[in-house]
Protein backbone atom coordinates (compact mmCIF):
# COMPACT_ATOMS: atom_id res chain seq x y z
CA MET A 1 119.80 33.38 -50.48
CA ASN A 2 121.64 29.72 -51.36
CA ILE A 3 118.75 28.59 -53.70
CA PRO A 4 119.91 26.62 -56.65
CA ALA A 5 119.04 27.62 -60.25
CA ARG A 6 119.84 26.77 -63.79
CA TYR A 7 119.18 28.53 -67.40
CA CYS A 8 117.10 27.39 -69.57
CA THR A 9 117.02 27.74 -72.92
CA GLY A 10 114.21 26.70 -75.84
CA TYR A 11 111.18 27.83 -77.47
CA LEU A 12 107.69 28.89 -75.93
CA VAL A 13 104.67 26.82 -77.29
CA ILE A 14 102.24 29.10 -78.71
CA SER A 15 99.04 27.32 -77.79
CA GLY A 16 96.72 28.90 -75.26
CA VAL A 17 97.89 32.46 -76.01
CA PRO A 18 96.66 35.24 -79.11
CA ALA A 19 97.14 33.79 -82.32
CA SER A 20 100.13 35.92 -84.27
CA SER A 21 101.98 35.71 -87.46
CA ASP A 22 105.23 36.33 -85.76
CA PRO A 23 107.81 33.20 -86.27
CA MET A 24 108.02 31.24 -83.22
CA ASP A 25 111.17 32.61 -81.60
CA PHE A 26 113.91 31.18 -79.33
CA SER A 27 113.34 32.19 -75.48
CA ALA A 28 114.84 31.88 -72.30
CA TRP A 29 113.96 31.29 -68.41
CA PHE A 30 115.52 29.78 -65.42
CA GLU A 31 114.35 27.08 -62.88
CA ALA A 32 114.95 27.63 -59.32
CA TYR A 33 115.06 24.61 -56.80
CA VAL A 34 112.43 25.17 -54.25
CA GLY A 35 110.72 22.82 -51.82
CA GLY A 36 112.21 19.64 -53.16
CA ARG A 37 111.40 20.42 -57.18
CA TRP A 38 112.11 22.65 -59.77
CA HIS A 39 110.22 25.55 -60.81
CA ILE A 40 109.99 27.75 -63.82
CA PHE A 41 110.53 31.11 -63.65
CA ASP A 42 109.93 33.38 -66.92
CA PRO A 43 110.79 37.21 -65.85
CA ARG A 44 110.43 37.93 -69.70
CA ASN A 45 106.77 36.98 -70.40
CA ASN A 46 106.03 36.71 -66.52
CA LYS A 47 102.82 34.95 -67.18
CA PRO A 48 101.80 31.34 -67.15
CA ARG A 49 102.15 29.28 -70.41
CA ILE A 50 100.84 26.02 -71.70
CA GLY A 51 104.13 24.80 -72.59
CA ARG A 52 107.87 25.08 -73.21
CA VAL A 53 110.45 23.32 -75.60
CA LEU A 54 113.29 22.64 -73.37
CA ILE A 55 116.84 22.36 -75.55
CA ALA A 56 119.29 22.65 -73.05
CA GLN A 57 120.28 23.73 -69.33
CA GLY A 58 123.22 25.20 -67.83
CA ARG A 59 124.85 27.79 -65.53
CA ASP A 60 124.13 30.62 -68.09
CA ALA A 61 123.81 31.23 -71.85
CA ALA A 62 127.19 30.64 -72.56
CA ASP A 63 126.91 26.66 -71.58
CA VAL A 64 123.74 26.38 -73.87
CA SER A 65 124.17 28.01 -77.02
CA LEU A 66 122.01 26.88 -80.00
CA SER A 67 124.76 27.28 -82.21
CA THR A 68 128.81 28.53 -82.60
CA THR A 69 130.00 29.78 -85.80
CA PHE A 70 133.33 31.00 -86.72
CA GLY A 71 133.76 33.04 -89.88
CA PRO A 72 130.81 34.51 -92.16
CA ASN A 73 127.77 32.48 -92.61
CA VAL A 74 123.74 32.86 -93.20
CA LEU A 75 121.40 30.66 -91.89
CA LYS A 76 118.85 30.03 -94.98
CA SER A 77 115.96 28.90 -93.08
CA PHE A 78 114.93 27.45 -89.43
CA LYS A 79 111.48 26.86 -88.45
CA VAL A 80 110.20 25.19 -85.07
CA TRP A 81 106.40 23.55 -84.70
CA THR A 82 104.66 22.88 -81.84
CA ASP A 83 101.20 20.71 -81.43
CA GLU A 84 99.62 20.30 -78.04
CA VAL A 85 99.37 16.94 -76.99
CA ARG A 86 96.72 16.20 -74.35
CA GLY A 87 96.97 13.54 -71.78
CA ASN A 88 97.78 12.85 -68.20
CA PRO A 89 99.52 16.26 -66.54
CA ASP A 90 101.76 14.32 -64.43
CA SER A 91 103.13 12.49 -67.07
CA ASP A 92 103.59 15.51 -69.79
CA ALA A 93 106.68 16.39 -67.90
CA LEU A 94 108.28 18.35 -71.04
CA LEU A 95 104.90 20.27 -71.27
CA MET A 96 105.61 22.83 -68.01
């Protein structure tokens, strides 16, 4: 179909969805350039979300890995927090 697309990686903001005790987790989605702008598509969740914390964009998951390690390693801790910031929706480009 010759539609430009890019793989995106980051975290889904948990505001606006039912509360969960599960830790915030890494997520992935894609963006397609249609009608003169980039649109977000999330086939995994398939429902609107208030925001996303975009970490990286690339051609595929290999382009945007959060970490690359060689040999044995142990991740002791990793936490992500988000807070909703209300404002002008046109200026909140990162909260799509």
